[in-house]
Amino acid sequence: MVFDLFPAVLCCLRVDNLISSSWTVVFTPLWILDVIYYGSLVFLLVFSDGKLYTFCKRLLLLVVQIFIAMKLDGVVDWSLVMVLTPYFTCEVLNLLEVVLGGVLGHQMLVSDSIGASVSQTEGIETERQLLVKAVMRKTGLTLLRIIQALLIGVKVDGSLDGVTWWRVMTPVWLVAAYLFWYPIKKYINSTSANRLLDAVFTAGVIFMLVAPFFLLADRLEGKRLSSFNIVMPWMLLMGASFLFLLCAITLAGAERVIRSGVQPTRRHTQSSPYRHDYVAVDMD
């Protein structure tokens, strides 16, 4: 978890011109994570039942990372939209999977409803509605990601000079609004006594996740702001998660020691030769 912070820290140092290394060197922690991740994928592909299609699709994300590093170092003179082409391809494939999976699932539910009883038909109808909602949600989020990446590429390439970054990042604001609706809906539907505290905590976590995007838009509009200030909410959230995990591990270990550790046992009162303050110890 701590190692995940290294790429962000190095990128902030490079953006603020505190280090002069090439972006390929700055991305070294990212390359290490990629070696571990894609090495495990190759292992699954060779020694398990991994799918070649899934591996190739995820490989597109590695290609776009390499293209971005080459673009930042000036090795290639491509437009940002062209650099992001592997990412667009991956997202389009994800979109096709969602749509085709939804269509096939809907056809299966329709075929199951033919000749079914009334109770079974009601259950199938409920599943159909849930399927439609899931497909619409995943389709909408995927389209927003594609549109956002396309808008950023076009803006960086100079085709949207008259449009502010606040308007360019409209898809991000829509996703943020969708995320903030979740704790509100959870508060309305929950019957727990602590539903308000739960909703506030969830909203706080979501705020920490989306706050850097607002700070980033502010900096891109010309405000003098350190890169570390932009990613600080993510660092605080990751640090709090690490401390919470550490406390959970510590408490779990302490509870295990108590359960398996030294415990006193009583002696029978008939054993008079022994001292009355003697305490037997179970060493098992």
Protein backbone atom coordinates (compact mmCIF):
# COMPACT_ATOMS: atom_id res chain seq x y z
CA MET A 1 0.00 0.00 0.00
CA VAL A 2 2.83 2.39 0.88
CA PHE A 3 4.65 1.45 -2.34
CA ASP A 4 1.62 2.64 -4.30
CA LEU A 5 2.39 6.19 -3.16
CA PHE A 6 5.81 6.25 -4.80
CA PRO A 7 4.57 6.84 -8.39
CA ALA A 8 2.37 9.72 -7.23
CA VAL A 9 5.17 11.29 -5.16
CA LEU A 10 7.69 11.06 -8.01
CA CYS A 11 5.19 12.48 -10.50
CA CYS A 12 4.52 15.42 -8.17
CA LEU A 13 8.24 16.08 -7.82
CA ARG A 14 8.65 15.99 -11.61
CA VAL A 15 5.65 18.22 -12.32
CA ASP A 16 6.88 20.80 -9.79
CA ASN A 17 10.37 20.64 -11.41
CA LEU A 18 11.96 19.48 -8.16
CA ILE A 19 13.67 16.66 -10.06
CA SER A 20 14.90 16.65 -13.65
CA SER A 21 14.79 12.95 -14.46
CA SER A 22 13.03 11.74 -17.58
CA TRP A 23 9.46 10.57 -17.25
CA THR A 24 10.53 7.04 -18.09
CA VAL A 25 12.72 7.07 -14.97
CA VAL A 26 10.00 8.76 -12.91
CA PHE A 27 7.61 5.95 -13.83
CA THR A 28 10.02 3.29 -12.51
CA PRO A 29 7.78 2.29 -9.54
CA LEU A 30 4.91 1.97 -12.01
CA TRP A 31 7.00 -0.28 -14.25
CA ILE A 32 7.79 -2.48 -11.24
CA LEU A 33 4.09 -2.81 -10.43
CA ASP A 34 3.42 -3.60 -14.09
CA VAL A 35 6.05 -6.34 -14.09
CA ILE A 36 4.42 -7.95 -11.04
CA TYR A 37 0.88 -7.58 -12.40
CA TYR A 38 1.48 -8.66 -15.97
CA GLY A 39 3.88 -11.37 -14.84
CA SER A 40 1.04 -12.88 -12.82
CA LEU A 41 -1.22 -12.62 -15.86
CA VAL A 42 1.33 -14.47 -17.99
CA PHE A 43 1.60 -17.14 -15.30
CA LEU A 44 -2.18 -17.59 -15.30
CA LEU A 45 -2.23 -17.64 -19.09
CA VAL A 46 0.45 -20.35 -19.33
CA PHE A 47 -0.24 -22.54 -16.31
CA SER A 48 -3.94 -21.93 -15.74
CA ASP A 49 -7.10 -21.41 -17.74
CA GLY A 50 -6.45 -17.72 -18.39
CA LYS A 51 -8.06 -16.24 -21.49
CA LEU A 52 -5.85 -14.80 -24.22
CA TYR A 53 -8.48 -12.17 -25.07
CA THR A 54 -8.52 -10.82 -21.50
CA PHE A 55 -4.73 -10.73 -21.40
CA CYS A 56 -4.50 -8.83 -24.69
CA LYS A 57 -7.14 -6.35 -23.57
CA ARG A 58 -5.28 -5.60 -20.34
CA LEU A 59 -2.05 -5.37 -22.31
CA LEU A 60 -3.51 -2.33 -24.05
CA LEU A 61 -3.32 -0.44 -20.74
CA LEU A 62 0.41 -1.19 -20.54
CA VAL A 63 0.86 0.08 -24.09
CA VAL A 64 -0.87 3.37 -23.28
CA GLN A 65 1.41 3.84 -20.24
CA ILE A 66 4.45 3.43 -22.49
CA PHE A 67 3.00 5.83 -25.05
CA ILE A 68 2.33 8.47 -22.37
CA ALA A 69 5.91 8.22 -21.08
CA MET A 70 7.24 8.56 -24.64
CA LYS A 71 4.95 11.55 -25.27
CA LEU A 72 6.06 13.33 -22.08
CA ASP A 73 9.75 12.74 -22.89
CA GLY A 74 9.29 14.07 -26.43
CA VAL A 75 10.28 10.77 -28.03
CA VAL A 76 7.17 10.83 -30.22
CA ASP A 77 5.34 13.81 -31.68
CA TRP A 78 1.90 12.27 -31.62
CA SER A 79 -1.27 14.00 -30.53
CA LEU A 80 -2.60 13.01 -27.12
CA VAL A 81 -5.70 11.51 -28.72
CA MET A 82 -3.46 9.21 -30.75
CA VAL A 83 -1.44 8.34 -27.64
CA LEU A 84 -4.65 7.35 -25.85
CA THR A 85 -5.84 5.15 -28.72
CA PRO A 86 -5.03 1.87 -26.88
CA TYR A 87 -7.07 3.11 -23.91
CA PHE A 88 -10.02 3.96 -26.14
CA THR A 89 -9.78 0.51 -27.73
CA CYS A 90 -9.84 -1.16 -24.31
CA GLU A 91 -12.85 0.86 -23.16
CA VAL A 92 -14.76 0.19 -26.39
CA LEU A 93 -14.16 -3.54 -25.89
CA ASN A 94 -15.43 -3.21 -22.32
CA LEU A 95 -18.50 -1.40 -23.60
CA LEU A 96 -19.21 -4.12 -26.17
CA GLU A 97 -18.85 -6.78 -23.49
CA VAL A 98 -21.35 -5.02 -21.25
CA VAL A 99 -23.90 -4.52 -24.02
CA LEU A 100 -23.58 -8.03 -25.46
CA GLY A 101 -23.65 -9.58 -22.00
CA GLY A 102 -26.77 -7.61 -21.16
CA VAL A 103 -28.51 -8.63 -24.39
CA LEU A 104 -27.68 -12.32 -23.91
CA GLY A 105 -28.73 -12.21 -20.27
CA HIS A 106 -32.01 -10.53 -21.19
CA GLN A 107 -32.74 -13.16 -23.85
CA MET A 108 -32.08 -15.96 -21.36
CA LEU A 109 -34.47 -14.41 -18.84
CA VAL A 110 -37.13 -13.97 -21.52
CA SER A 111 -36.79 -17.61 -22.59
CA ASP A 112 -36.99 -18.74 -18.95
CA SER A 113 -40.21 -16.77 -18.44
CA ILE A 114 -42.00 -18.70 -21.20
CA GLY A 115 -44.20 -21.31 -19.58
CA ALA A 116 -43.14 -20.34 -16.05
CA SER A 117 -45.56 -20.02 -13.17
CA VAL A 118 -46.74 -16.70 -11.78
CA SER A 119 -44.30 -16.71 -8.85
CA GLN A 120 -41.41 -17.68 -11.11
CA THR A 121 -42.38 -14.97 -13.59
CA GLU A 122 -42.29 -12.34 -10.85
CA GLY A 123 -38.80 -13.45 -9.82
CA ILE A 124 -37.60 -13.42 -13.42
CA GLU A 125 -39.05 -9.94 -13.91
CA THR A 126 -37.17 -8.71 -10.84
CA GLU A 127 -33.93 -10.19 -12.19
CA ARG A 128 -34.59 -8.57 -15.55
CA GLN A 129 -35.02 -5.14 -13.98
CA LEU A 130 -31.82 -5.55 -11.97
CA LEU A 131 -29.99 -6.64 -15.12
CA VAL A 132 -31.21 -3.61 -17.07
CA LYS A 133 -30.15 -1.25 -14.27
CA ALA A 134 -26.69 -2.85 -14.01
CA VAL A 135 -26.14 -2.69 -17.78
CA MET A 136 -27.27 0.93 -17.95
CA ARG A 137 -25.04 1.90 -15.02
CA LYS A 138 -21.92 0.20 -16.42
CA THR A 139 -22.62 1.51 -19.91
CA GLY A 140 -23.06 5.05 -18.64
CA LEU A 141 -19.86 4.99 -16.57
CA THR A 142 -17.86 3.52 -19.45
CA LEU A 143 -19.15 6.16 -21.86
CA LEU A 144 -18.29 8.90 -19.38
CA ARG A 145 -14.73 7.58 -19.08
CA ILE A 146 -14.34 7.51 -22.87
CA ILE A 147 -15.78 11.01 -23.27
CA GLN A 148 -13.59 12.39 -20.48
CA ALA A 149 -10.38 10.95 -21.94
CA LEU A 150 -11.37 12.24 -25.38
CA LEU A 151 -12.09 15.75 -24.05
CA ILE A 152 -8.76 15.88 -22.21
CA GLY A 153 -6.92 14.73 -25.33
CA VAL A 154 -8.63 17.29 -27.54
CA LYS A 155 -8.05 20.05 -24.96
CA VAL A 156 -4.33 19.27 -24.61
CA ASP A 157 -3.97 19.10 -28.40
CA GLY A 158 -5.25 22.69 -28.61
CA SER A 159 -8.62 22.13 -30.24
CA LEU A 160 -10.62 23.44 -27.25
CA ASP A 161 -8.67 26.57 -26.34
CA GLY A 162 -11.83 28.54 -25.64
CA VAL A 163 -13.24 25.96 -23.22
CA THR A 164 -12.25 26.02 -19.55
CA TRP A 165 -10.98 22.94 -17.77
CA TRP A 166 -14.00 23.06 -15.48
CA ARG A 167 -16.20 22.41 -18.52
CA VAL A 168 -13.79 19.88 -20.00
CA MET A 169 -14.03 17.80 -16.83
CA THR A 170 -17.83 17.71 -16.86
CA PRO A 171 -17.90 13.87 -17.02
CA VAL A 172 -15.90 13.78 -13.77
CA TRP A 173 -18.41 16.08 -12.08
CA LEU A 174 -21.26 13.83 -13.24
CA VAL A 175 -19.54 10.77 -11.76
CA ALA A 176 -18.91 12.70 -8.53
CA ALA A 177 -22.60 13.60 -8.30
CA TYR A 178 -23.50 9.95 -8.87
CA LEU A 179 -21.12 8.86 -6.11
CA PHE A 180 -22.51 11.41 -3.64
CA TRP A 181 -26.02 10.15 -4.35
CA TYR A 182 -25.03 6.75 -2.95
CA PRO A 183 -24.76 7.77 0.76
CA ILE A 184 -27.96 9.80 0.42
CA LYS A 185 -29.82 6.80 -0.97
CA LYS A 186 -28.24 4.59 1.67
CA TYR A 187 -29.42 6.95 4.42
CA ILE A 188 -32.96 7.02 3.04
CA ASN A 189 -33.28 3.24 2.65
CA SER A 190 -31.42 2.20 5.81
CA THR A 191 -33.21 1.40 9.06
CA SER A 192 -30.06 1.27 11.20
CA ALA A 193 -29.74 3.47 14.26
CA ASN A 194 -26.33 4.64 13.02
CA ARG A 195 -27.43 5.40 9.47
CA LEU A 196 -26.58 9.12 9.75
CA LEU A 197 -23.04 8.40 10.96
CA ASP A 198 -22.61 5.77 8.26
CA ALA A 199 -23.83 8.15 5.54
CA VAL A 200 -21.59 10.99 6.75
CA PHE A 201 -18.54 8.71 6.88
CA THR A 202 -19.24 7.38 3.37
CA ALA A 203 -19.72 10.91 2.03
CA GLY A 204 -16.43 11.94 3.65
CA VAL A 205 -14.54 9.13 1.94
CA ILE A 206 -16.12 10.04 -1.41
CA PHE A 207 -15.18 13.69 -0.87
CA MET A 208 -11.55 12.71 -0.28
CA LEU A 209 -11.61 10.69 -3.50
CA VAL A 210 -13.01 13.43 -5.74
CA ALA A 211 -11.40 16.49 -4.11
CA PRO A 212 -8.12 16.18 -6.10
CA PHE A 213 -10.04 16.55 -9.36
CA PHE A 214 -11.43 19.93 -8.23
CA LEU A 215 -7.94 21.03 -7.16
CA LEU A 216 -6.51 19.80 -10.47
CA ALA A 217 -9.04 21.80 -12.48
CA ASP A 218 -8.21 24.85 -10.37
CA ARG A 219 -4.49 24.47 -11.09
CA LEU A 220 -5.03 23.88 -14.80
CA GLU A 221 -6.94 27.17 -14.89
CA GLY A 222 -3.78 28.96 -13.75
CA LYS A 223 -3.91 28.95 -9.96
CA ARG A 224 -0.50 28.46 -8.33
CA LEU A 225 -0.89 25.20 -6.46
CA SER A 226 1.65 22.53 -5.60
CA SER A 227 1.09 19.07 -7.02
CA PHE A 228 1.41 17.66 -3.52
CA ASN A 229 -1.54 19.80 -2.42
CA ILE A 230 -3.59 18.29 -5.23
CA VAL A 231 -2.96 14.66 -4.30
CA MET A 232 -2.89 15.30 -0.53
CA PRO A 233 -6.47 14.03 0.00
CA TRP A 234 -5.54 10.72 -1.63
CA MET A 235 -2.40 10.46 0.49
CA LEU A 236 -4.34 11.18 3.67
CA LEU A 237 -6.97 8.63 2.73
CA MET A 238 -4.37 5.99 1.94
CA GLY A 239 -2.49 6.77 5.15
CA ALA A 240 -5.68 6.46 7.19
CA SER A 241 -6.46 3.16 5.47
CA PHE A 242 -2.96 1.89 6.26
CA LEU A 243 -3.30 2.85 9.94
CA PHE A 244 -6.73 1.24 10.12
CA LEU A 245 -5.35 -1.95 8.59
CA LEU A 246 -2.40 -1.91 11.00
CA CYS A 247 -4.70 -1.46 14.01
CA ALA A 248 -6.96 -4.27 12.78
CA ILE A 249 -4.00 -6.63 12.39
CA THR A 250 -2.68 -5.66 15.83
CA LEU A 251 -6.03 -6.21 17.53
CA ALA A 252 -6.53 -9.52 15.73
CA GLY A 253 -3.08 -10.66 16.83
CA ALA A 254 -3.71 -9.61 20.43
CA GLU A 255 -7.02 -11.48 20.49
CA ARG A 256 -5.31 -14.59 19.14
CA VAL A 257 -2.63 -14.40 21.84
CA ILE A 258 -5.27 -14.08 24.55
CA ARG A 259 -7.15 -17.11 23.26
CA SER A 260 -4.09 -19.34 23.00
CA GLY A 261 -1.93 -17.91 25.78
CA VAL A 262 -1.45 -18.58 29.51
CA GLN A 263 -4.67 -19.21 31.38
CA PRO A 264 -5.14 -19.99 35.09
CA THR A 265 -6.92 -23.17 36.16
CA ARG A 266 -8.43 -23.99 39.54
CA ARG A 267 -7.22 -26.75 41.84
CA HIS A 268 -9.63 -28.97 43.72
CA THR A 269 -10.06 -28.10 47.39
CA GLN A 270 -9.25 -31.65 48.39
CA SER A 271 -5.58 -31.29 47.39
CA SER A 272 -4.47 -30.01 50.81
CA PRO A 273 -0.71 -30.69 50.45
CA TYR A 274 -0.48 -27.81 47.99
CA ARG A 275 -0.34 -24.14 48.90
CA HIS A 276 -3.67 -22.32 48.72
CA ASP A 277 -2.21 -19.47 46.63
CA TYR A 278 -0.80 -21.88 44.05
CA VAL A 279 -1.88 -21.22 40.48
CA ALA A 280 -1.54 -23.93 37.87
CA VAL A 281 -0.55 -22.81 34.37
CA ASP A 282 -1.81 -24.46 31.22
CA MET A 283 1.14 -24.46 28.81
CA ASP A 284 -0.62 -26.22 25.94
